[in-house]
Amino acid sequence: MLRQGWAAPAATAEHAVLLVSELVGNAVQHTGACRFGLRMHRRRGRLRIEVRDPSRGLPCLLPVTELDTSGRGLWLVDRLADRWGVDLLPRGKSTWFEMRLPEPR
């Protein structure tokens, strides 16, 4: 869908898949969520992906060193996405990121 439907460059699509896996992993590991939501949409040259979970606990961007084997999820999101953030919801939160996409021709 990212490559064909939305004309995402290969690197952008690969990075988006990696970041989704990191956010879903965080939702499961750190909140104990058995269920989570995933939403993906394109708007004005941007891809936005949101992962929703039932916890209102905010994620932390931790410093990362070369020897770290875990704790890199938000660090990767911070490095690879153009923007990211967290929206508190009445029941839980939505952690999201955005990436630029070329405008359709």
PDB file of N, CA and C in Angstrom:
ATOM      1  N   MET A   1       0.813  -1.194   0.000  1.00  0.00           N
ATOM      2  CA  MET A   1       0.000   0.000   0.000  1.00  0.00           C
ATOM      3  C   MET A   1       0.859   1.263   0.000  1.00  0.00           C
ATOM      4  N   LEU A   2       1.876   1.301   0.828  1.00  0.00           N
ATOM      5  CA  LEU A   2       2.722   2.493   0.878  1.00  0.00           C
ATOM      6  C   LEU A   2       3.440   2.736  -0.438  1.00  0.00           C
ATOM      7  N   ARG A   3       3.968   1.675  -1.024  1.00  0.00           N
ATOM      8  CA  ARG A   3       4.742   1.840  -2.259  1.00  0.00           C
ATOM      9  C   ARG A   3       3.841   2.086  -3.454  1.00  0.00           C
ATOM     10  N   GLN A   4       2.838   1.236  -3.652  1.00  0.00           N
ATOM     11  CA  GLN A   4       2.017   1.341  -4.854  1.00  0.00           C
ATOM     12  C   GLN A   4       0.892   2.350  -4.703  1.00  0.00           C
ATOM     13  N   GLY A   5       0.148   2.281  -3.615  1.00  0.00           N
ATOM     14  CA  GLY A   5      -1.014   3.151  -3.457  1.00  0.00           C
ATOM     15  C   GLY A   5      -0.666   4.603  -3.185  1.00  0.00           C
ATOM     16  N   TRP A   6       0.400   4.825  -2.413  1.00  0.00           N
ATOM     17  CA  TRP A   6       0.732   6.189  -2.021  1.00  0.00           C
ATOM     18  C   TRP A   6       2.070   6.665  -2.570  1.00  0.00           C
ATOM     19  N   ALA A   7       2.693   5.869  -3.405  1.00  0.00           N
ATOM     20  CA  ALA A   7       3.948   6.227  -4.077  1.00  0.00           C
ATOM     21  C   ALA A   7       5.051   6.600  -3.087  1.00  0.00           C
ATOM     22  N   ALA A   8       5.111   5.903  -1.982  1.00  0.00           N
ATOM     23  CA  ALA A   8       6.174   6.170  -1.010  1.00  0.00           C
ATOM     24  C   ALA A   8       7.495   5.635  -1.550  1.00  0.00           C
ATOM     25  N   PRO A   9       8.561   6.405  -1.442  1.00  0.00           N
ATOM     26  CA  PRO A   9       9.876   5.875  -1.816  1.00  0.00           C
ATOM     27  C   PRO A   9      10.213   4.643  -0.979  1.00  0.00           C
ATOM     28  N   ALA A  10      11.052   3.792  -1.513  1.00  0.00           N
ATOM     29  CA  ALA A  10      11.386   2.534  -0.840  1.00  0.00           C
ATOM     30  C   ALA A  10      11.907   2.767   0.576  1.00  0.00           C
ATOM     31  N   ALA A  11      12.809   3.724   0.752  1.00  0.00           N
ATOM     32  CA  ALA A  11      13.376   3.979   2.084  1.00  0.00           C
ATOM     33  C   ALA A  11      12.296   4.454   3.057  1.00  0.00           C
ATOM     34  N   THR A  12      11.400   5.295   2.593  1.00  0.00           N
ATOM     35  CA  THR A  12      10.321   5.783   3.457  1.00  0.00           C
ATOM     36  C   THR A  12       9.421   4.634   3.882  1.00  0.00           C
ATOM     37  N   ALA A  13       9.071   3.766   2.951  1.00  0.00           N
ATOM     38  CA  ALA A  13       8.220   2.617   3.272  1.00  0.00           C
ATOM     39  C   ALA A  13       8.918   1.699   4.276  1.00  0.00           C
ATOM     40  N   GLU A  14      10.204   1.428   4.078  1.00  0.00           N
ATOM     41  CA  GLU A  14      10.947   0.574   5.006  1.00  0.00           C
ATOM     42  C   GLU A  14      11.013   1.198   6.397  1.00  0.00           C
ATOM     43  N   HIS A  15      11.280   2.494   6.443  1.00  0.00           N
ATOM     44  CA  HIS A  15      11.345   3.174   7.735  1.00  0.00           C
ATOM     45  C   HIS A  15       9.985   3.167   8.427  1.00  0.00           C
ATOM     46  N   ALA A  16       8.921   3.381   7.670  1.00  0.00           N
ATOM     47  CA  ALA A  16       7.572   3.375   8.252  1.00  0.00           C
ATOM     48  C   ALA A  16       7.251   2.010   8.859  1.00  0.00           C
ATOM     49  N   VAL A  17       7.579   0.939   8.165  1.00  0.00           N
ATOM     50  CA  VAL A  17       7.331  -0.413   8.686  1.00  0.00           C
ATOM     51  C   VAL A  17       8.129  -0.635   9.972  1.00  0.00           C
ATOM     52  N   LEU A  18       9.380  -0.225   9.983  1.00  0.00           N
ATOM     53  CA  LEU A  18      10.211  -0.358  11.180  1.00  0.00           C
ATOM     54  C   LEU A  18       9.607   0.419  12.355  1.00  0.00           C
ATOM     55  N   LEU A  19       9.182   1.659  12.099  1.00  0.00           N
ATOM     56  CA  LEU A  19       8.648   2.488  13.182  1.00  0.00           C
ATOM     57  C   LEU A  19       7.321   1.960  13.694  1.00  0.00           C
ATOM     58  N   VAL A  20       6.485   1.433  12.807  1.00  0.00           N
ATOM     59  CA  VAL A  20       5.240   0.806  13.264  1.00  0.00           C
ATOM     60  C   VAL A  20       5.567  -0.363  14.190  1.00  0.00           C
ATOM     61  N   SER A  21       6.524  -1.189  13.801  1.00  0.00           N
ATOM     62  CA  SER A  21       6.868  -2.339  14.653  1.00  0.00           C
ATOM     63  C   SER A  21       7.391  -1.878  16.011  1.00  0.00           C
ATOM     64  N   GLU A  22       8.136  -0.793  16.044  1.00  0.00           N
ATOM     65  CA  GLU A  22       8.642  -0.274  17.317  1.00  0.00           C
ATOM     66  C   GLU A  22       7.506   0.233  18.198  1.00  0.00           C
ATOM     67  N   LEU A  23       6.579   0.998  17.621  1.00  0.00           N
ATOM     68  CA  LEU A  23       5.472   1.540  18.413  1.00  0.00           C
ATOM     69  C   LEU A  23       4.518   0.447  18.880  1.00  0.00           C
ATOM     70  N   VAL A  24       4.257  -0.529  18.034  1.00  0.00           N
ATOM     71  CA  VAL A  24       3.404  -1.650  18.448  1.00  0.00           C
ATOM     72  C   VAL A  24       4.108  -2.442  19.550  1.00  0.00           C
ATOM     73  N   GLY A  25       5.390  -2.692  19.383  1.00  0.00           N
ATOM     74  CA  GLY A  25       6.152  -3.391  20.420  1.00  0.00           C
ATOM     75  C   GLY A  25       6.104  -2.652  21.748  1.00  0.00           C
ATOM     76  N   ASN A  26       6.242  -1.324  21.704  1.00  0.00           N
ATOM     77  CA  ASN A  26       6.147  -0.525  22.931  1.00  0.00           C
ATOM     78  C   ASN A  26       4.762  -0.646  23.553  1.00  0.00           C
ATOM     79  N   ALA A  27       3.725  -0.601  22.727  1.00  0.00           N
ATOM     80  CA  ALA A  27       2.350  -0.687  23.242  1.00  0.00           C
ATOM     81  C   ALA A  27       2.127  -2.010  23.955  1.00  0.00           C
ATOM     82  N   VAL A  28       2.650  -3.079  23.408  1.00  0.00           N
ATOM     83  CA  VAL A  28       2.465  -4.399  24.014  1.00  0.00           C
ATOM     84  C   VAL A  28       3.362  -4.569  25.245  1.00  0.00           C
ATOM     85  N   GLN A  29       4.630  -4.238  25.105  1.00  0.00           N
ATOM     86  CA  GLN A  29       5.593  -4.475  26.184  1.00  0.00           C
ATOM     87  C   GLN A  29       5.381  -3.564  27.390  1.00  0.00           C
ATOM     88  N   HIS A  30       5.161  -2.289  27.158  1.00  0.00           N
ATOM     89  CA  HIS A  30       5.148  -1.331  28.262  1.00  0.00           C
ATOM     90  C   HIS A  30       3.765  -1.049  28.837  1.00  0.00           C
ATOM     91  N   THR A  31       2.716  -1.424  28.127  1.00  0.00           N
ATOM     92  CA  THR A  31       1.382  -1.161  28.659  1.00  0.00           C
ATOM     93  C   THR A  31       0.620  -2.440  28.979  1.00  0.00           C
ATOM     94  N   GLY A  32       1.150  -3.576  28.542  1.00  0.00           N
ATOM     95  CA  GLY A  32       0.449  -4.839  28.747  1.00  0.00           C
ATOM     96  C   GLY A  32      -0.788  -4.965  27.877  1.00  0.00           C
ATOM     97  N   ALA A  33      -0.871  -4.148  26.847  1.00  0.00           N
ATOM     98  CA  ALA A  33      -2.056  -4.132  25.986  1.00  0.00           C
ATOM     99  C   ALA A  33      -2.214  -5.451  25.239  1.00  0.00           C
ATOM    100  N   CYS A  34      -3.398  -6.016  25.333  1.00  0.00           N
ATOM    101  CA  CYS A  34      -3.734  -7.190  24.535  1.00  0.00           C
ATOM    102  C   CYS A  34      -4.303  -6.745  23.195  1.00  0.00           C
ATOM    103  N   ARG A  35      -4.794  -5.510  23.175  1.00  0.00           N
ATOM    104  CA  ARG A  35      -5.353  -4.941  21.953  1.00  0.00           C
ATOM    105  C   ARG A  35      -4.786  -3.544  21.767  1.00  0.00           C
ATOM    106  N   PHE A  36      -4.595  -3.179  20.521  1.00  0.00           N
ATOM    107  CA  PHE A  36      -4.138  -1.835  20.196  1.00  0.00           C
ATOM    108  C   PHE A  36      -4.749  -1.461  18.856  1.00  0.00           C
ATOM    109  N   GLY A  37      -4.723  -0.201  18.537  1.00  0.00           N
ATOM    110  CA  GLY A  37      -5.250   0.270  17.264  1.00  0.00           C
ATOM    111  C   GLY A  37      -4.130   0.793  16.390  1.00  0.00           C
ATOM    112  N   LEU A  38      -4.296   0.644  15.094  1.00  0.00           N
ATOM    113  CA  LEU A  38      -3.328   1.150  14.127  1.00  0.00           C
ATOM    114  C   LEU A  38      -4.095   1.926  13.072  1.00  0.00           C
ATOM    115  N   ARG A  39      -3.687   3.148  12.855  1.00  0.00           N
ATOM    116  CA  ARG A  39      -4.349   3.997  11.858  1.00  0.00           C
ATOM    117  C   ARG A  39      -3.277   4.611  10.974  1.00  0.00           C
ATOM    118  N   MET A  40      -3.537   4.628   9.685  1.00  0.00           N
ATOM    119  CA  MET A  40      -2.571   5.139   8.725  1.00  0.00           C
ATOM    120  C   MET A  40      -3.317   5.979   7.700  1.00  0.00           C
ATOM    121  N   HIS A  41      -2.859   7.205   7.476  1.00  0.00           N
ATOM    122  CA  HIS A  41      -3.497   8.002   6.437  1.00  0.00           C
ATOM    123  C   HIS A  41      -2.512   8.982   5.826  1.00  0.00           C
ATOM    124  N   ARG A  42      -2.874   9.421   4.641  1.00  0.00           N
ATOM    125  CA  ARG A  42      -2.066  10.367   3.889  1.00  0.00           C
ATOM    126  C   ARG A  42      -2.833  11.672   3.780  1.00  0.00           C
ATOM    127  N   ARG A  43      -2.088  12.763   3.991  1.00  0.00           N
ATOM    128  CA  ARG A  43      -2.717  14.074   3.882  1.00  0.00           C
ATOM    129  C   ARG A  43      -1.653  15.089   3.463  1.00  0.00           C
ATOM    130  N   ARG A  44      -1.924  15.799   2.390  1.00  0.00           N
ATOM    131  CA  ARG A  44      -1.053  16.878   1.916  1.00  0.00           C
ATOM    132  C   ARG A  44       0.433  16.530   1.927  1.00  0.00           C
ATOM    133  N   GLY A  45       0.784  15.460   1.257  1.00  0.00           N
ATOM    134  CA  GLY A  45       2.188  15.085   1.144  1.00  0.00           C
ATOM    135  C   GLY A  45       2.797  14.490   2.395  1.00  0.00           C
ATOM    136  N   ARG A  46       1.973  14.055   3.327  1.00  0.00           N
ATOM    137  CA  ARG A  46       2.474  13.451   4.567  1.00  0.00           C
ATOM    138  C   ARG A  46       1.771  12.126   4.833  1.00  0.00           C
ATOM    139  N   LEU A  47       2.540  11.206   5.334  1.00  0.00           N
ATOM    140  CA  LEU A  47       2.013   9.943   5.841  1.00  0.00           C
ATOM    141  C   LEU A  47       1.955  10.086   7.357  1.00  0.00           C
ATOM    142  N   ARG A  48       0.823   9.773   7.941  1.00  0.00           N
ATOM    143  CA  ARG A  48       0.692   9.789   9.405  1.00  0.00           C
ATOM    144  C   ARG A  48       0.244   8.407   9.853  1.00  0.00           C
ATOM    145  N   ILE A  49       0.976   7.858  10.806  1.00  0.00           N
ATOM    146  CA  ILE A  49       0.645   6.550  11.366  1.00  0.00           C
ATOM    147  C   ILE A  49       0.500   6.713  12.873  1.00  0.00           C
ATOM    148  N   GLU A  50      -0.593   6.159  13.407  1.00  0.00           N
ATOM    149  CA  GLU A  50      -0.895   6.254  14.835  1.00  0.00           C
ATOM    150  C   GLU A  50      -1.058   4.852  15.411  1.00  0.00           C
ATOM    151  N   VAL A  51      -0.491   4.643  16.581  1.00  0.00           N
ATOM    152  CA  VAL A  51      -0.693   3.407  17.327  1.00  0.00           C
ATOM    153  C   VAL A  51      -1.381   3.798  18.631  1.00  0.00           C
ATOM    154  N   ARG A  52      -2.570   3.250  18.847  1.00  0.00           N
ATOM    155  CA  ARG A  52      -3.349   3.567  20.044  1.00  0.00           C
ATOM    156  C   ARG A  52      -3.286   2.404  21.015  1.00  0.00           C
ATOM    157  N   ASP A  53      -3.163   2.743  22.305  1.00  0.00           N
ATOM    158  CA  ASP A  53      -3.174   1.712  23.330  1.00  0.00           C
ATOM    159  C   ASP A  53      -3.979   2.215  24.529  1.00  0.00           C
ATOM    160  N   PRO A  54      -4.334   1.323  25.462  1.00  0.00           N
ATOM    161  CA  PRO A  54      -5.233   1.696  26.552  1.00  0.00           C
ATOM    162  C   PRO A  54      -4.562   2.451  27.706  1.00  0.00           C
ATOM    163  N   SER A  55      -3.253   2.631  27.689  1.00  0.00           N
ATOM    164  CA  SER A  55      -2.554   3.292  28.785  1.00  0.00           C
ATOM    165  C   SER A  55      -2.464   4.796  28.553  1.00  0.00           C
ATOM    166  N   ARG A  56      -2.596   5.567  29.616  1.00  0.00           N
ATOM    167  CA  ARG A  56      -2.402   7.010  29.514  1.00  0.00           C
ATOM    168  C   ARG A  56      -0.984   7.395  29.950  1.00  0.00           C
ATOM    169  N   GLY A  57      -0.161   6.407  30.239  1.00  0.00           N
ATOM    170  CA  GLY A  57       1.241   6.667  30.577  1.00  0.00           C
ATOM    171  C   GLY A  57       1.992   7.141  29.351  1.00  0.00           C
ATOM    172  N   LEU A  58       2.743   8.227  29.497  1.00  0.00           N
ATOM    173  CA  LEU A  58       3.465   8.799  28.362  1.00  0.00           C
ATOM    174  C   LEU A  58       4.791   8.080  28.134  1.00  0.00           C
ATOM    175  N   PRO A  59       5.130   7.840  26.878  1.00  0.00           N
ATOM    176  CA  PRO A  59       6.420   7.208  26.580  1.00  0.00           C
ATOM    177  C   PRO A  59       7.564   8.199  26.805  1.00  0.00           C
ATOM    178  N   CYS A  60       8.751   7.687  27.078  1.00  0.00           N
ATOM    179  CA  CYS A  60       9.943   8.508  27.307  1.00  0.00           C
ATOM    180  C   CYS A  60      10.965   8.263  26.210  1.00  0.00           C
ATOM    181  N   LEU A  61      11.522   9.341  25.713  1.00  0.00           N
ATOM    182  CA  LEU A  61      12.645   9.249  24.775  1.00  0.00           C
ATOM    183  C   LEU A  61      13.916   9.187  25.619  1.00  0.00           C
ATOM    184  N   LEU A  62      14.545   8.009  25.643  1.00  0.00           N
ATOM    185  CA  LEU A  62      15.726   7.800  26.467  1.00  0.00           C
ATOM    186  C   LEU A  62      16.990   7.981  25.652  1.00  0.00           C
ATOM    187  N   PRO A  63      18.087   8.402  26.295  1.00  0.00           N
ATOM    188  CA  PRO A  63      19.361   8.439  25.575  1.00  0.00           C
ATOM    189  C   PRO A  63      19.786   7.015  25.213  1.00  0.00           C
ATOM    190  N   VAL A  64      20.449   6.873  24.103  1.00  0.00           N
ATOM    191  CA  VAL A  64      20.839   5.554  23.602  1.00  0.00           C
ATOM    192  C   VAL A  64      22.343   5.546  23.370  1.00  0.00           C
ATOM    193  N   THR A  65      22.983   4.440  23.753  1.00  0.00           N
ATOM    194  CA  THR A  65      24.404   4.269  23.470  1.00  0.00           C
ATOM    195  C   THR A  65      24.583   3.099  22.501  1.00  0.00           C
ATOM    196  N   GLU A  66      25.778   2.965  21.978  1.00  0.00           N
ATOM    197  CA  GLU A  66      26.062   1.897  21.006  1.00  0.00           C
ATOM    198  C   GLU A  66      25.824   0.503  21.573  1.00  0.00           C
ATOM    199  N   LEU A  67      26.013   0.325  22.849  1.00  0.00           N
ATOM    200  CA  LEU A  67      25.905  -1.001  23.464  1.00  0.00           C
ATOM    201  C   LEU A  67      24.493  -1.360  23.888  1.00  0.00           C
ATOM    202  N   ASP A  68      23.543  -0.430  23.786  1.00  0.00           N
ATOM    203  CA  ASP A  68      22.168  -0.719  24.185  1.00  0.00           C
ATOM    204  C   ASP A  68      21.539  -1.738  23.246  1.00  0.00           C
ATOM    205  N   THR A  69      20.869  -2.712  23.826  1.00  0.00           N
ATOM    206  CA  THR A  69      20.182  -3.722  23.023  1.00  0.00           C
ATOM    207  C   THR A  69      18.675  -3.552  23.073  1.00  0.00           C
ATOM    208  N   SER A  70      18.187  -2.632  23.907  1.00  0.00           N
ATOM    209  CA  SER A  70      16.762  -2.318  23.941  1.00  0.00           C
ATOM    210  C   SER A  70      16.618  -0.838  24.272  1.00  0.00           C
ATOM    211  N   GLY A  71      15.399  -0.340  24.190  1.00  0.00           N
ATOM    212  CA  GLY A  71      15.162   1.063  24.495  1.00  0.00           C
ATOM    213  C   GLY A  71      15.402   1.998  23.327  1.00  0.00           C
ATOM    214  N   ARG A  72      15.505   1.429  22.124  1.00  0.00           N
ATOM    215  CA  ARG A  72      15.787   2.253  20.949  1.00  0.00           C
ATOM    216  C   ARG A  72      14.547   2.645  20.156  1.00  0.00           C
ATOM    217  N   GLY A  73      13.370   2.176  20.571  1.00  0.00           N
ATOM    218  CA  GLY A  73      12.158   2.403  19.783  1.00  0.00           C
ATOM    219  C   GLY A  73      11.863   3.861  19.515  1.00  0.00           C
ATOM    220  N   LEU A  74      11.707   4.658  20.565  1.00  0.00           N
ATOM    221  CA  LEU A  74      11.415   6.076  20.349  1.00  0.00           C
ATOM    222  C   LEU A  74      12.613   6.817  19.781  1.00  0.00           C
ATOM    223  N   TRP A  75      13.816   6.358  20.095  1.00  0.00           N
ATOM    224  CA  TRP A  75      15.009   6.955  19.508  1.00  0.00           C
ATOM    225  C   TRP A  75      14.967   6.818  17.984  1.00  0.00           C
ATOM    226  N   LEU A  76      14.571   5.622  17.506  1.00  0.00           N
ATOM    227  CA  LEU A  76      14.438   5.415  16.060  1.00  0.00           C
ATOM    228  C   LEU A  76      13.333   6.294  15.479  1.00  0.00           C
ATOM    229  N   VAL A  77      12.210   6.375  16.175  1.00  0.00           N
ATOM    230  CA  VAL A  77      11.107   7.230  15.714  1.00  0.00           C
ATOM    231  C   VAL A  77      11.598   8.671  15.612  1.00  0.00           C
ATOM    232  N   ASP A  78      12.315   9.125  16.623  1.00  0.00           N
ATOM    233  CA  ASP A  78      12.819  10.497  16.639  1.00  0.00           C
ATOM    234  C   ASP A  78      13.794  10.760  15.491  1.00  0.00           C
ATOM    235  N   ARG A  79      14.575   9.764  15.140  1.00  0.00           N
ATOM    236  CA  ARG A  79      15.586   9.933  14.078  1.00  0.00           C
ATOM    237  C   ARG A  79      15.008   9.793  12.668  1.00  0.00           C
ATOM    238  N   LEU A  80      14.054   8.889  12.483  1.00  0.00           N
ATOM    239  CA  LEU A  80      13.596   8.570  11.131  1.00  0.00           C
ATOM    240  C   LEU A  80      12.329   9.306  10.704  1.00  0.00           C
ATOM    241  N   ALA A  81      11.508   9.714  11.650  1.00  0.00           N
ATOM    242  CA  ALA A  81      10.267  10.417  11.307  1.00  0.00           C
ATOM    243  C   ALA A  81      10.536  11.924  11.218  1.00  0.00           C
ATOM    244  N   ASP A  82       9.706  12.606  10.453  1.00  0.00           N
ATOM    245  CA  ASP A  82       9.823  14.064  10.377  1.00  0.00           C
ATOM    246  C   ASP A  82       9.250  14.725  11.626  1.00  0.00           C
ATOM    247  N   ARG A  83       8.207  14.133  12.167  1.00  0.00           N
ATOM    248  CA  ARG A  83       7.572  14.618  13.395  1.00  0.00           C
ATOM    249  C   ARG A  83       6.984  13.428  14.118  1.00  0.00           C
ATOM    250  N   TRP A  84       6.839  13.542  15.422  1.00  0.00           N
ATOM    251  CA  TRP A  84       6.141  12.510  16.180  1.00  0.00           C
ATOM    252  C   TRP A  84       5.618  13.134  17.462  1.00  0.00           C
ATOM    253  N   GLY A  85       4.676  12.440  18.083  1.00  0.00           N
ATOM    254  CA  GLY A  85       4.124  12.936  19.329  1.00  0.00           C
ATOM    255  C   GLY A  85       3.167  11.940  19.941  1.00  0.00           C
ATOM    256  N   VAL A  86       2.525  12.389  21.010  1.00  0.00           N
ATOM    257  CA  VAL A  86       1.569  11.554  21.740  1.00  0.00           C
ATOM    258  C   VAL A  86       0.343  12.397  22.033  1.00  0.00           C
ATOM    259  N   ASP A  87      -0.830  11.863  21.754  1.00  0.00           N
ATOM    260  CA  ASP A  87      -2.090  12.513  22.089  1.00  0.00           C
ATOM    261  C   ASP A  87      -2.796  11.671  23.141  1.00  0.00           C
ATOM    262  N   LEU A  88      -3.134  12.305  24.264  1.00  0.00           N
ATOM    263  CA  LEU A  88      -3.911  11.595  25.274  1.00  0.00           C
ATOM    264  C   LEU A  88      -5.358  11.520  24.817  1.00  0.00           C
ATOM    265  N   LEU A  89      -5.952  10.366  25.016  1.00  0.00           N
ATOM    266  CA  LEU A  89      -7.338  10.117  24.639  1.00  0.00           C
ATOM    267  C   LEU A  89      -8.150   9.862  25.906  1.00  0.00           C
ATOM    268  N   PRO A  90      -9.478   9.929  25.830  1.00  0.00           N
ATOM    269  CA  PRO A  90     -10.279   9.632  27.018  1.00  0.00           C
ATOM    270  C   PRO A  90      -9.941   8.272  27.637  1.00  0.00           C
ATOM    271  N   ARG A  91      -9.594   7.320  26.789  1.00  0.00           N
ATOM    272  CA  ARG A  91      -9.202   5.985  27.261  1.00  0.00           C
ATOM    273  C   ARG A  91      -7.907   5.573  26.583  1.00  0.00           C
ATOM    274  N   GLY A  92      -6.805   6.031  27.097  1.00  0.00           N
ATOM    275  CA  GLY A  92      -5.515   5.646  26.545  1.00  0.00           C
ATOM    276  C   GLY A  92      -4.815   6.789  25.839  1.00  0.00           C
ATOM    277  N   LYS A  93      -4.009   6.411  24.864  1.00  0.00           N
ATOM    278  CA  LYS A  93      -3.238   7.409  24.123  1.00  0.00           C
ATOM    279  C   LYS A  93      -3.009   6.948  22.696  1.00  0.00           C
ATOM    280  N   SER A  94      -2.601   7.889  21.876  1.00  0.00           N
ATOM    281  CA  SER A  94      -2.210   7.618  20.501  1.00  0.00           C
ATOM    282  C   SER A  94      -0.791   8.152  20.317  1.00  0.00           C
ATOM    283  N   THR A  95       0.136   7.265  20.021  1.00  0.00           N
ATOM    284  CA  THR A  95       1.503   7.665  19.705  1.00  0.00           C
ATOM    285  C   THR A  95       1.610   7.648  18.189  1.00  0.00           C
ATOM    286  N   TRP A  96       2.061   8.749  17.608  1.00  0.00           N
ATOM    287  CA  TRP A  96       2.014   8.901  16.157  1.00  0.00           C
ATOM    288  C   TRP A  96       3.335   9.419  15.621  1.00  0.00           C
ATOM    289  N   PHE A  97       3.514   9.201  14.316  1.00  0.00           N
ATOM    290  CA  PHE A  97       4.637   9.821  13.613  1.00  0.00           C
ATOM    291  C   PHE A  97       4.186  10.212  12.219  1.00  0.00           C
ATOM    292  N   GLU A  98       4.897  11.158  11.644  1.00  0.00           N
ATOM    293  CA  GLU A  98       4.634  11.615  10.276  1.00  0.00           C
ATOM    294  C   GLU A  98       5.916  11.582   9.467  1.00  0.00           C
ATOM    295  N   MET A  99       5.733  11.278   8.175  1.00  0.00           N
ATOM    296  CA  MET A  99       6.845  11.264   7.224  1.00  0.00           C
ATOM    297  C   MET A  99       6.378  11.954   5.947  1.00  0.00           C
ATOM    298  N   ARG A 100       7.276  12.684   5.318  1.00  0.00           N
ATOM    299  CA  ARG A 100       6.934  13.333   4.044  1.00  0.00           C
ATOM    300  C   ARG A 100       6.811  12.311   2.938  1.00  0.00           C
ATOM    301  N   LEU A 101       5.818  12.559   2.056  1.00  0.00           N
ATOM    302  CA  LEU A 101       5.635  11.745   0.857  1.00  0.00           C
ATOM    303  C   LEU A 101       5.595  12.672  -0.338  1.00  0.00           C
ATOM    304  N   PRO A 102       6.048  12.200  -1.491  1.00  0.00           N
ATOM    305  CA  PRO A 102       5.947  13.047  -2.679  1.00  0.00           C
ATOM    306  C   PRO A 102       4.484  13.275  -3.043  1.00  0.00           C
ATOM    307  N   GLU A 103       4.202  14.454  -3.557  1.00  0.00           N
ATOM    308  CA  GLU A 103       2.837  14.757  -4.013  1.00  0.00           C
ATOM    309  C   GLU A 103       2.497  13.896  -5.216  1.00  0.00           C
ATOM    310  N   PRO A 104       1.249  13.402  -5.303  1.00  0.00           N
ATOM    311  CA  PRO A 104       0.856  12.586  -6.475  1.00  0.00           C
ATOM    312  C   PRO A 104       0.879  13.440  -7.731  1.00  0.00           C
ATOM    313  N   ARG A 105       1.212  12.799  -8.842  1.00  0.00           N
ATOM    314  CA  ARG A 105       1.285  13.526 -10.126  1.00  0.00           C
ATOM    315  C   ARG A 105       0.031  13.381 -10.907  1.00  0.00           C
TER     316      ARG A 105
END
